[in-house]
Amino acid sequence: MKITNRDARKFVQQRLPFQGSNLFAHTRTSEDGTTWYVVYSYGPHHPLFVWADGIWFENEDRFSVTTSKHRSQTHPLCPTVPLSTEWMQRLARGGYWAIAKERILQGVAA
């Protein structure tokens, strides 16, 4: 659904897909049926927020003034777990359990 960016937070809080101005969100589903929700600024290279397994994750890296504005327009207004852009991209691509599986297989303690 095409919306104005100032209306985006309502969609994020309900985890609904939307298309704004250089801002969008959608739900992803893994092969096993697990779903997660991702909010992007300017494209899949920059996820701002991911809701996965009942937890909100937030990109902790800072970029442009516009991306900072997108962050403030879409923040779900609840506690978030900060992650780097790299980890947010991984989370956005594969969901929470894909990251956990990757870390376990690599022998990295969580």
PDB file of N, CA and C in Angstrom:
ATOM      1  N   MET A   1       0.845  -1.172   0.000  1.00  0.00           N
ATOM      2  CA  MET A   1       0.000   0.000   0.000  1.00  0.00           C
ATOM      3  C   MET A   1       0.891   1.234   0.000  1.00  0.00           C
ATOM      4  N   LYS A   2       0.617   2.208  -0.846  1.00  0.00           N
ATOM      5  CA  LYS A   2       1.359   3.461  -0.924  1.00  0.00           C
ATOM      6  C   LYS A   2       0.840   4.412   0.156  1.00  0.00           C
ATOM      7  N   ILE A   3       1.778   4.908   0.988  1.00  0.00           N
ATOM      8  CA  ILE A   3       1.403   5.796   2.092  1.00  0.00           C
ATOM      9  C   ILE A   3       2.396   6.954   2.164  1.00  0.00           C
ATOM     10  N   THR A   4       2.063   7.947   2.981  1.00  0.00           N
ATOM     11  CA  THR A   4       3.034   9.004   3.269  1.00  0.00           C
ATOM     12  C   THR A   4       3.965   8.504   4.380  1.00  0.00           C
ATOM     13  N   ASN A   5       5.188   8.963   4.379  1.00  0.00           N
ATOM     14  CA  ASN A   5       6.146   8.517   5.393  1.00  0.00           C
ATOM     15  C   ASN A   5       5.689   8.853   6.810  1.00  0.00           C
ATOM     16  N   ARG A   6       4.994   9.958   6.963  1.00  0.00           N
ATOM     17  CA  ARG A   6       4.561  10.323   8.322  1.00  0.00           C
ATOM     18  C   ARG A   6       3.508   9.356   8.874  1.00  0.00           C
ATOM     19  N   ASP A   7       2.885   8.573   8.004  1.00  0.00           N
ATOM     20  CA  ASP A   7       1.913   7.570   8.450  1.00  0.00           C
ATOM     21  C   ASP A   7       2.541   6.181   8.649  1.00  0.00           C
ATOM     22  N   ALA A   8       3.826   6.052   8.378  1.00  0.00           N
ATOM     23  CA  ALA A   8       4.477   4.742   8.374  1.00  0.00           C
ATOM     24  C   ALA A   8       4.479   4.055   9.740  1.00  0.00           C
ATOM     25  N   ARG A   9       4.644   4.821  10.827  1.00  0.00           N
ATOM     26  CA  ARG A   9       4.734   4.191  12.145  1.00  0.00           C
ATOM     27  C   ARG A   9       3.522   3.314  12.457  1.00  0.00           C
ATOM     28  N   LYS A  10       2.335   3.746  12.068  1.00  0.00           N
ATOM     29  CA  LYS A  10       1.130   2.951  12.323  1.00  0.00           C
ATOM     30  C   LYS A  10       1.220   1.588  11.645  1.00  0.00           C
ATOM     31  N   PHE A  11       1.784   1.562  10.445  1.00  0.00           N
ATOM     32  CA  PHE A  11       1.948   0.308   9.715  1.00  0.00           C
ATOM     33  C   PHE A  11       3.018  -0.558  10.373  1.00  0.00           C
ATOM     34  N   VAL A  12       4.117   0.076  10.793  1.00  0.00           N
ATOM     35  CA  VAL A  12       5.203  -0.661  11.444  1.00  0.00           C
ATOM     36  C   VAL A  12       4.708  -1.293  12.738  1.00  0.00           C
ATOM     37  N   GLN A  13       4.000  -0.538  13.545  1.00  0.00           N
ATOM     38  CA  GLN A  13       3.519  -1.066  14.824  1.00  0.00           C
ATOM     39  C   GLN A  13       2.592  -2.257  14.641  1.00  0.00           C
ATOM     40  N   GLN A  14       1.889  -2.294  13.514  1.00  0.00           N
ATOM     41  CA  GLN A  14       1.002  -3.438  13.224  1.00  0.00           C
ATOM     42  C   GLN A  14       1.665  -4.462  12.305  1.00  0.00           C
ATOM     43  N   ARG A  15       2.916  -4.192  11.937  1.00  0.00           N
ATOM     44  CA  ARG A  15       3.694  -5.061  11.052  1.00  0.00           C
ATOM     45  C   ARG A  15       2.971  -5.325   9.731  1.00  0.00           C
ATOM     46  N   LEU A  16       2.525  -4.227   9.115  1.00  0.00           N
ATOM     47  CA  LEU A  16       1.830  -4.296   7.837  1.00  0.00           C
ATOM     48  C   LEU A  16       2.756  -3.813   6.719  1.00  0.00           C
ATOM     49  N   PRO A  17       2.680  -4.418   5.545  1.00  0.00           N
ATOM     50  CA  PRO A  17       3.510  -3.947   4.429  1.00  0.00           C
ATOM     51  C   PRO A  17       3.067  -2.563   3.967  1.00  0.00           C
ATOM     52  N   PHE A  18       4.027  -1.772   3.487  1.00  0.00           N
ATOM     53  CA  PHE A  18       3.716  -0.455   2.944  1.00  0.00           C
ATOM     54  C   PHE A  18       4.835  -0.013   2.016  1.00  0.00           C
ATOM     55  N   GLN A  19       4.506   0.995   1.203  1.00  0.00           N
ATOM     56  CA  GLN A  19       5.476   1.649   0.330  1.00  0.00           C
ATOM     57  C   GLN A  19       5.343   3.143   0.561  1.00  0.00           C
ATOM     58  N   GLY A  20       6.397   3.776   1.042  1.00  0.00           N
ATOM     59  CA  GLY A  20       6.417   5.222   1.230  1.00  0.00           C
ATOM     60  C   GLY A  20       7.355   5.852   0.224  1.00  0.00           C
ATOM     61  N   SER A  21       7.898   6.998   0.577  1.00  0.00           N
ATOM     62  CA  SER A  21       8.862   7.681  -0.266  1.00  0.00           C
ATOM     63  C   SER A  21      10.263   7.254   0.159  1.00  0.00           C
ATOM     64  N   ASN A  22      10.883   6.372  -0.633  1.00  0.00           N
ATOM     65  CA  ASN A  22      12.197   5.794  -0.309  1.00  0.00           C
ATOM     66  C   ASN A  22      12.192   5.055   1.027  1.00  0.00           C
ATOM     67  N   LEU A  23      11.063   4.523   1.378  1.00  0.00           N
ATOM     68  CA  LEU A  23      10.855   3.816   2.639  1.00  0.00           C
ATOM     69  C   LEU A  23       9.797   2.748   2.378  1.00  0.00           C
ATOM     70  N   PHE A  24      10.085   1.503   2.807  1.00  0.00           N
ATOM     71  CA  PHE A  24       9.101   0.451   2.582  1.00  0.00           C
ATOM     72  C   PHE A  24       9.295  -0.672   3.594  1.00  0.00           C
ATOM     73  N   ALA A  25       8.280  -1.520   3.701  1.00  0.00           N
ATOM     74  CA  ALA A  25       8.328  -2.655   4.625  1.00  0.00           C
ATOM     75  C   ALA A  25       7.538  -3.810   4.044  1.00  0.00           C
ATOM     76  N   HIS A  26       7.972  -5.010   4.403  1.00  0.00           N
ATOM     77  CA  HIS A  26       7.247  -6.205   3.996  1.00  0.00           C
ATOM     78  C   HIS A  26       7.566  -7.352   4.948  1.00  0.00           C
ATOM     79  N   THR A  27       6.771  -8.397   4.843  1.00  0.00           N
ATOM     80  CA  THR A  27       6.966  -9.605   5.638  1.00  0.00           C
ATOM     81  C   THR A  27       7.700 -10.624   4.793  1.00  0.00           C
ATOM     82  N   ARG A  28       8.672 -11.277   5.404  1.00  0.00           N
ATOM     83  CA  ARG A  28       9.433 -12.334   4.744  1.00  0.00           C
ATOM     84  C   ARG A  28       9.034 -13.665   5.377  1.00  0.00           C
ATOM     85  N   THR A  29       9.155 -14.745   4.616  1.00  0.00           N
ATOM     86  CA  THR A  29       8.827 -16.077   5.116  1.00  0.00           C
ATOM     87  C   THR A  29       9.914 -17.051   4.687  1.00  0.00           C
ATOM     88  N   SER A  30      10.380 -17.853   5.645  1.00  0.00           N
ATOM     89  CA  SER A  30      11.397 -18.859   5.340  1.00  0.00           C
ATOM     90  C   SER A  30      10.733 -20.120   4.794  1.00  0.00           C
ATOM     91  N   GLU A  31      11.566 -21.061   4.362  1.00  0.00           N
ATOM     92  CA  GLU A  31      11.057 -22.324   3.837  1.00  0.00           C
ATOM     93  C   GLU A  31      10.258 -23.105   4.867  1.00  0.00           C
ATOM     94  N   ASP A  32      10.605 -22.934   6.162  1.00  0.00           N
ATOM     95  CA  ASP A  32       9.889 -23.668   7.209  1.00  0.00           C
ATOM     96  C   ASP A  32       8.649 -22.931   7.709  1.00  0.00           C
ATOM     97  N   GLY A  33       8.325 -21.790   7.085  1.00  0.00           N
ATOM     98  CA  GLY A  33       7.120 -21.061   7.457  1.00  0.00           C
ATOM     99  C   GLY A  33       7.313 -19.973   8.503  1.00  0.00           C
ATOM    100  N   THR A  34       8.529 -19.806   9.004  1.00  0.00           N
ATOM    101  CA  THR A  34       8.816 -18.732   9.958  1.00  0.00           C
ATOM    102  C   THR A  34       8.720 -17.394   9.238  1.00  0.00           C
ATOM    103  N   THR A  35       8.089 -16.405   9.876  1.00  0.00           N
ATOM    104  CA  THR A  35       7.958 -15.091   9.259  1.00  0.00           C
ATOM    105  C   THR A  35       8.662 -14.029  10.093  1.00  0.00           C
ATOM    106  N   TRP A  36       9.080 -12.980   9.431  1.00  0.00           N
ATOM    107  CA  TRP A  36       9.648 -11.810  10.092  1.00  0.00           C
ATOM    108  C   TRP A  36       9.307 -10.595   9.241  1.00  0.00           C
ATOM    109  N   TYR A  37       9.383  -9.428   9.833  1.00  0.00           N
ATOM    110  CA  TYR A  37       8.949  -8.175   9.209  1.00  0.00           C
ATOM    111  C   TYR A  37      10.146  -7.244   9.128  1.00  0.00           C
ATOM    112  N   VAL A  38      10.338  -6.606   7.974  1.00  0.00           N
ATOM    113  CA  VAL A  38      11.501  -5.754   7.755  1.00  0.00           C
ATOM    114  C   VAL A  38      11.079  -4.384   7.231  1.00  0.00           C
ATOM    115  N   VAL A  39      11.660  -3.330   7.811  1.00  0.00           N
ATOM    116  CA  VAL A  39      11.466  -1.952   7.365  1.00  0.00           C
ATOM    117  C   VAL A  39      12.780  -1.495   6.743  1.00  0.00           C
ATOM    118  N   TYR A  40      12.726  -0.979   5.511  1.00  0.00           N
ATOM    119  CA  TYR A  40      13.922  -0.559   4.785  1.00  0.00           C
ATOM    120  C   TYR A  40      13.893   0.932   4.454  1.00  0.00           C
ATOM    121  N   SER A  41      15.076   1.518   4.417  1.00  0.00           N
ATOM    122  CA  SER A  41      15.264   2.875   3.918  1.00  0.00           C
ATOM    123  C   SER A  41      16.100   2.780   2.656  1.00  0.00           C
ATOM    124  N   TYR A  42      15.568   3.230   1.545  1.00  0.00           N
ATOM    125  CA  TYR A  42      16.263   3.281   0.257  1.00  0.00           C
ATOM    126  C   TYR A  42      16.579   1.944  -0.380  1.00  0.00           C
ATOM    127  N   GLY A  43      16.214   0.841   0.193  1.00  0.00           N
ATOM    128  CA  GLY A  43      16.444  -0.441  -0.466  1.00  0.00           C
ATOM    129  C   GLY A  43      16.897  -1.522   0.490  1.00  0.00           C
ATOM    130  N   PRO A  44      17.023  -2.749  -0.011  1.00  0.00           N
ATOM    131  CA  PRO A  44      17.357  -3.888   0.848  1.00  0.00           C
ATOM    132  C   PRO A  44      18.757  -3.823   1.443  1.00  0.00           C
ATOM    133  N   HIS A  45      19.582  -2.905   0.967  1.00  0.00           N
ATOM    134  CA  HIS A  45      20.917  -2.757   1.538  1.00  0.00           C
ATOM    135  C   HIS A  45      20.884  -2.068   2.908  1.00  0.00           C
ATOM    136  N   HIS A  46      19.737  -1.440   3.246  1.00  0.00           N
ATOM    137  CA  HIS A  46      19.687  -0.719   4.526  1.00  0.00           C
ATOM    138  C   HIS A  46      18.394  -1.000   5.306  1.00  0.00           C
ATOM    139  N   PRO A  47      18.339  -2.145   5.984  1.00  0.00           N
ATOM    140  CA  PRO A  47      17.182  -2.384   6.864  1.00  0.00           C
ATOM    141  C   PRO A  47      17.277  -1.505   8.107  1.00  0.00           C
ATOM    142  N   LEU A  48      16.182  -0.850   8.440  1.00  0.00           N
ATOM    143  CA  LEU A  48      16.131  -0.002   9.642  1.00  0.00           C
ATOM    144  C   LEU A  48      15.688  -0.795  10.863  1.00  0.00           C
ATOM    145  N   PHE A  49      14.598  -1.543  10.701  1.00  0.00           N
ATOM    146  CA  PHE A  49      14.026  -2.323  11.797  1.00  0.00           C
ATOM    147  C   PHE A  49      13.650  -3.703  11.283  1.00  0.00           C
ATOM    148  N   VAL A  50      13.804  -4.694  12.150  1.00  0.00           N
ATOM    149  CA  VAL A  50      13.346  -6.050  11.850  1.00  0.00           C
ATOM    150  C   VAL A  50      12.626  -6.561  13.086  1.00  0.00           C
ATOM    151  N   TRP A  51      11.438  -7.119  12.875  1.00  0.00           N
ATOM    152  CA  TRP A  51      10.713  -7.794  13.946  1.00  0.00           C
ATOM    153  C   TRP A  51      10.823  -9.282  13.665  1.00  0.00           C
ATOM    154  N   ALA A  52      11.449 -10.000  14.580  1.00  0.00           N
ATOM    155  CA  ALA A  52      11.635 -11.439  14.402  1.00  0.00           C
ATOM    156  C   ALA A  52      11.514 -12.133  15.743  1.00  0.00           C
ATOM    157  N   ASP A  53      10.764 -13.191  15.779  1.00  0.00           N
ATOM    158  CA  ASP A  53      10.607 -14.004  16.981  1.00  0.00           C
ATOM    159  C   ASP A  53      10.179 -13.163  18.190  1.00  0.00           C
ATOM    160  N   GLY A  54       9.304 -12.197  17.941  1.00  0.00           N
ATOM    161  CA  GLY A  54       8.769 -11.373  19.019  1.00  0.00           C
ATOM    162  C   GLY A  54       9.687 -10.270  19.514  1.00  0.00           C
ATOM    163  N   ILE A  55      10.790 -10.003  18.804  1.00  0.00           N
ATOM    164  CA  ILE A  55      11.766  -8.999  19.221  1.00  0.00           C
ATOM    165  C   ILE A  55      11.956  -7.981  18.102  1.00  0.00           C
ATOM    166  N   TRP A  56      12.003  -6.701  18.463  1.00  0.00           N
ATOM    167  CA  TRP A  56      12.336  -5.655  17.505  1.00  0.00           C
ATOM    168  C   TRP A  56      13.842  -5.425  17.535  1.00  0.00           C
ATOM    169  N   PHE A  57      14.462  -5.445  16.348  1.00  0.00           N
ATOM    170  CA  PHE A  57      15.877  -5.140  16.187  1.00  0.00           C
ATOM    171  C   PHE A  57      15.981  -3.819  15.432  1.00  0.00           C
ATOM    172  N   GLU A  58      16.988  -3.020  15.790  1.00  0.00           N
ATOM    173  CA  GLU A  58      17.156  -1.695  15.185  1.00  0.00           C
ATOM    174  C   GLU A  58      18.578  -1.544  14.651  1.00  0.00           C
ATOM    175  N   ASN A  59      18.692  -0.984  13.473  1.00  0.00           N
ATOM    176  CA  ASN A  59      20.007  -0.701  12.903  1.00  0.00           C
ATOM    177  C   ASN A  59      20.649   0.408  13.732  1.00  0.00           C
ATOM    178  N   GLU A  60      21.815   0.124  14.319  1.00  0.00           N
ATOM    179  CA  GLU A  60      22.477   1.088  15.188  1.00  0.00           C
ATOM    180  C   GLU A  60      23.422   2.020  14.429  1.00  0.00           C
ATOM    181  N   ASP A  61      23.689   1.731  13.159  1.00  0.00           N
ATOM    182  CA  ASP A  61      24.591   2.568  12.382  1.00  0.00           C
ATOM    183  C   ASP A  61      23.874   3.823  11.916  1.00  0.00           C
ATOM    184  N   ARG A  62      24.643   4.890  11.729  1.00  0.00           N
ATOM    185  CA  ARG A  62      24.082   6.169  11.291  1.00  0.00           C
ATOM    186  C   ARG A  62      24.540   6.468   9.877  1.00  0.00           C
ATOM    187  N   PHE A  63      23.615   6.990   9.084  1.00  0.00           N
ATOM    188  CA  PHE A  63      23.937   7.328   7.713  1.00  0.00           C
ATOM    189  C   PHE A  63      23.469   8.745   7.424  1.00  0.00           C
ATOM    190  N   SER A  64      22.663   8.920   6.421  1.00  0.00           N
ATOM    191  CA  SER A  64      22.255  10.256   5.988  1.00  0.00           C
ATOM    192  C   SER A  64      21.193  10.863   6.905  1.00  0.00           C
ATOM    193  N   VAL A  65      20.993  12.157   6.732  1.00  0.00           N
ATOM    194  CA  VAL A  65      19.941  12.865   7.457  1.00  0.00           C
ATOM    195  C   VAL A  65      18.581  12.269   7.104  1.00  0.00           C
ATOM    196  N   THR A  66      18.385  11.927   5.831  1.00  0.00           N
ATOM    197  CA  THR A  66      17.105  11.364   5.395  1.00  0.00           C
ATOM    198  C   THR A  66      16.860  10.004   6.037  1.00  0.00           C
ATOM    199  N   THR A  67      17.884   9.162   6.088  1.00  0.00           N
ATOM    200  CA  THR A  67      17.731   7.851   6.726  1.00  0.00           C
ATOM    201  C   THR A  67      17.430   8.014   8.211  1.00  0.00           C
ATOM    202  N   SER A  68      18.044   8.978   8.862  1.00  0.00           N
ATOM    203  CA  SER A  68      17.735   9.261  10.273  1.00  0.00           C
ATOM    204  C   SER A  68      16.280   9.678  10.424  1.00  0.00           C
ATOM    205  N   LYS A  69      15.787  10.450   9.465  1.00  0.00           N
ATOM    206  CA  LYS A  69      14.373  10.849   9.503  1.00  0.00           C
ATOM    207  C   LYS A  69      13.483   9.629   9.302  1.00  0.00           C
ATOM    208  N   HIS A  70      13.861   8.752   8.378  1.00  0.00           N
ATOM    209  CA  HIS A  70      13.097   7.515   8.173  1.00  0.00           C
ATOM    210  C   HIS A  70      13.049   6.705   9.473  1.00  0.00           C
ATOM    211  N   ARG A  71      14.175   6.640  10.169  1.00  0.00           N
ATOM    212  CA  ARG A  71      14.226   5.903  11.443  1.00  0.00           C
ATOM    213  C   ARG A  71      13.232   6.496  12.440  1.00  0.00           C
ATOM    214  N   SER A  72      13.222   7.806  12.560  1.00  0.00           N
ATOM    215  CA  SER A  72      12.298   8.424  13.527  1.00  0.00           C
ATOM    216  C   SER A  72      10.842   8.265  13.097  1.00  0.00           C
ATOM    217  N   GLN A  73      10.575   8.227  11.797  1.00  0.00           N
ATOM    218  CA  GLN A  73       9.205   8.072  11.307  1.00  0.00           C
ATOM    219  C   GLN A  73       8.679   6.652  11.475  1.00  0.00           C
ATOM    220  N   THR A  74       9.582   5.678  11.563  1.00  0.00           N
ATOM    221  CA  THR A  74       9.145   4.279  11.594  1.00  0.00           C
ATOM    222  C   THR A  74       9.448   3.553  12.904  1.00  0.00           C
ATOM    223  N   HIS A  75      10.104   4.207  13.836  1.00  0.00           N
ATOM    224  CA  HIS A  75      10.441   3.516  15.090  1.00  0.00           C
ATOM    225  C   HIS A  75       9.158   2.983  15.726  1.00  0.00           C
ATOM    226  N   PRO A  76       9.155   1.711  16.139  1.00  0.00           N
ATOM    227  CA  PRO A  76       7.929   1.124  16.696  1.00  0.00           C
ATOM    228  C   PRO A  76       7.588   1.622  18.110  1.00  0.00           C
ATOM    229  N   LEU A  77       8.417   2.480  18.681  1.00  0.00           N
ATOM    230  CA  LEU A  77       8.195   3.064  20.015  1.00  0.00           C
ATOM    231  C   LEU A  77       8.084   2.002  21.107  1.00  0.00           C
ATOM    232  N   CYS A  78       8.984   1.047  21.038  1.00  0.00           N
ATOM    233  CA  CYS A  78       9.105   0.023  22.065  1.00  0.00           C
ATOM    234  C   CYS A  78      10.590  -0.341  22.140  1.00  0.00           C
ATOM    235  N   PRO A  79      10.994  -1.093  23.147  1.00  0.00           N
ATOM    236  CA  PRO A  79      12.415  -1.452  23.240  1.00  0.00           C
ATOM    237  C   PRO A  79      12.892  -2.203  21.994  1.00  0.00           C
ATOM    238  N   THR A  80      14.126  -1.921  21.581  1.00  0.00           N
ATOM    239  CA  THR A  80      14.733  -2.575  20.428  1.00  0.00           C
ATOM    240  C   THR A  80      16.126  -3.075  20.800  1.00  0.00           C
ATOM    241  N   VAL A  81      16.595  -4.035  20.045  1.00  0.00           N
ATOM    242  CA  VAL A  81      17.950  -4.557  20.208  1.00  0.00           C
ATOM    243  C   VAL A  81      18.797  -3.965  19.081  1.00  0.00           C
ATOM    244  N   PRO A  82      19.845  -3.197  19.414  1.00  0.00           N
ATOM    245  CA  PRO A  82      20.662  -2.591  18.364  1.00  0.00           C
ATOM    246  C   PRO A  82      21.604  -3.598  17.710  1.00  0.00           C
ATOM    247  N   LEU A  83      21.702  -3.536  16.375  1.00  0.00           N
ATOM    248  CA  LEU A  83      22.619  -4.373  15.606  1.00  0.00           C
ATOM    249  C   LEU A  83      23.270  -3.531  14.511  1.00  0.00           C
ATOM    250  N   SER A  84      24.434  -3.945  14.066  1.00  0.00           N
ATOM    251  CA  SER A  84      25.110  -3.265  12.961  1.00  0.00           C
ATOM    252  C   SER A  84      24.339  -3.499  11.659  1.00  0.00           C
ATOM    253  N   THR A  85      24.657  -2.704  10.659  1.00  0.00           N
ATOM    254  CA  THR A  85      24.021  -2.882   9.353  1.00  0.00           C
ATOM    255  C   THR A  85      24.263  -4.289   8.817  1.00  0.00           C
ATOM    256  N   GLU A  86      25.490  -4.786   8.981  1.00  0.00           N
ATOM    257  CA  GLU A  86      25.800  -6.136   8.496  1.00  0.00           C
ATOM    258  C   GLU A  86      24.879  -7.178   9.122  1.00  0.00           C
ATOM    259  N   TRP A  87      24.706  -7.134  10.429  1.00  0.00           N
ATOM    260  CA  TRP A  87      23.845  -8.113  11.097  1.00  0.00           C
ATOM    261  C   TRP A  87      22.371  -7.883  10.788  1.00  0.00           C
ATOM    262  N   MET A  88      21.981  -6.627  10.597  1.00  0.00           N
ATOM    263  CA  MET A  88      20.601  -6.348  10.204  1.00  0.00           C
ATOM    264  C   MET A  88      20.314  -6.914   8.813  1.00  0.00           C
ATOM    265  N   GLN A  89      21.283  -6.810   7.905  1.00  0.00           N
ATOM    266  CA  GLN A  89      21.097  -7.378   6.569  1.00  0.00           C
ATOM    267  C   GLN A  89      20.938  -8.893   6.648  1.00  0.00           C
ATOM    268  N   ARG A  90      21.741  -9.532   7.468  1.00  0.00           N
ATOM    269  CA  ARG A  90      21.629 -10.982   7.645  1.00  0.00           C
ATOM    270  C   ARG A  90      20.269 -11.353   8.231  1.00  0.00           C
ATOM    271  N   LEU A  91      19.861 -10.604   9.227  1.00  0.00           N
ATOM    272  CA  LEU A  91      18.562 -10.844   9.866  1.00  0.00           C
ATOM    273  C   LEU A  91      17.433 -10.631   8.862  1.00  0.00           C
ATOM    274  N   ALA A  92      17.520  -9.572   8.074  1.00  0.00           N
ATOM    275  CA  ALA A  92      16.481  -9.278   7.078  1.00  0.00           C
ATOM    276  C   ALA A  92      16.397 -10.367   6.017  1.00  0.00           C
ATOM    277  N   ARG A  93      17.539 -10.908   5.628  1.00  0.00           N
ATOM    278  CA  ARG A  93      17.554 -11.955   4.591  1.00  0.00           C
ATOM    279  C   ARG A  93      17.046 -13.291   5.099  1.00  0.00           C
ATOM    280  N   GLY A  94      17.479 -13.691   6.308  1.00  0.00           N
ATOM    281  CA  GLY A  94      17.196 -15.055   6.734  1.00  0.00           C
ATOM    282  C   GLY A  94      16.399 -15.221   8.001  1.00  0.00           C
ATOM    283  N   GLY A  95      16.085 -14.135   8.694  1.00  0.00           N
ATOM    284  CA  GLY A  95      15.348 -14.242   9.943  1.00  0.00           C
ATOM    285  C   GLY A  95      16.245 -14.609  11.116  1.00  0.00           C
ATOM    286  N   TYR A  96      15.686 -14.547  12.284  1.00  0.00           N
ATOM    287  CA  TYR A  96      16.415 -14.774  13.530  1.00  0.00           C
ATOM    288  C   TYR A  96      17.029 -16.161  13.610  1.00  0.00           C
ATOM    289  N   TRP A  97      16.267 -17.171  13.263  1.00  0.00           N
ATOM    290  CA  TRP A  97      16.758 -18.541  13.423  1.00  0.00           C
ATOM    291  C   TRP A  97      17.850 -18.869  12.425  1.00  0.00           C
ATOM    292  N   ALA A  98      17.850 -18.239  11.266  1.00  0.00           N
ATOM    293  CA  ALA A  98      18.935 -18.454  10.303  1.00  0.00           C
ATOM    294  C   ALA A  98      20.256 -17.927  10.858  1.00  0.00           C
ATOM    295  N   ILE A  99      20.198 -16.784  11.543  1.00  0.00           N
ATOM    296  CA  ILE A  99      21.405 -16.235  12.157  1.00  0.00           C
ATOM    297  C   ILE A  99      21.874 -17.135  13.295  1.00  0.00           C
ATOM    298  N   ALA A 100      20.951 -17.577  14.122  1.00  0.00           N
ATOM    299  CA  ALA A 100      21.319 -18.461  15.235  1.00  0.00           C
ATOM    300  C   ALA A 100      21.953 -19.736  14.695  1.00  0.00           C
ATOM    301  N   LYS A 101      21.373 -20.307  13.663  1.00  0.00           N
ATOM    302  CA  LYS A 101      21.911 -21.528  13.067  1.00  0.00           C
ATOM    303  C   LYS A 101      23.307 -21.278  12.503  1.00  0.00           C
ATOM    304  N   GLU A 102      23.480 -20.159  11.819  1.00  0.00           N
ATOM    305  CA  GLU A 102      24.784 -19.812  11.256  1.00  0.00           C
ATOM    306  C   GLU A 102      25.840 -19.699  12.350  1.00  0.00           C
ATOM    307  N   ARG A 103      25.488 -19.037  13.423  1.00  0.00           N
ATOM    308  CA  ARG A 103      26.448 -18.838  14.513  1.00  0.00           C
ATOM    309  C   ARG A 103      26.770 -20.163  15.206  1.00  0.00           C
ATOM    310  N   ILE A 104      25.793 -21.025  15.364  1.00  0.00           N
ATOM    311  CA  ILE A 104      26.027 -22.332  15.990  1.00  0.00           C
ATOM    312  C   ILE A 104      26.936 -23.178  15.100  1.00  0.00           C
ATOM    313  N   LEU A 105      26.649 -23.188  13.796  1.00  0.00           N
ATOM    314  CA  LEU A 105      27.448 -23.986  12.873  1.00  0.00           C
ATOM    315  C   LEU A 105      28.886 -23.478  12.764  1.00  0.00           C
ATOM    316  N   GLN A 106      29.075 -22.178  12.982  1.00  0.00           N
ATOM    317  CA  GLN A 106      30.420 -21.627  12.949  1.00  0.00           C
ATOM    318  C   GLN A 106      31.122 -21.750  14.297  1.00  0.00           C
ATOM    319  N   GLY A 107      30.383 -22.242  15.305  1.00  0.00           N
ATOM    320  CA  GLY A 107      30.976 -22.407  16.624  1.00  0.00           C
ATOM    321  C   GLY A 107      31.143 -21.125  17.391  1.00  0.00           C
ATOM    322  N   VAL A 108      30.318 -20.116  17.054  1.00  0.00           N
ATOM    323  CA  VAL A 108      30.388 -18.818  17.721  1.00  0.00           C
ATOM    324  C   VAL A 108      29.345 -18.778  18.829  1.00  0.00           C
ATOM    325  N   ALA A 109      29.767 -18.483  20.023  1.00  0.00           N
ATOM    326  CA  ALA A 109      28.818 -18.386  21.146  1.00  0.00           C
ATOM    327  C   ALA A 109      27.956 -17.165  20.976  1.00  0.00           C
ATOM    328  N   ALA A 110      26.699 -17.277  21.293  1.00  0.00           N
ATOM    329  CA  ALA A 110      25.768 -16.157  21.148  1.00  0.00           C
ATOM    330  C   ALA A 110      26.004 -15.105  22.202  1.00  0.00           C
TER     331      ALA A 110
END
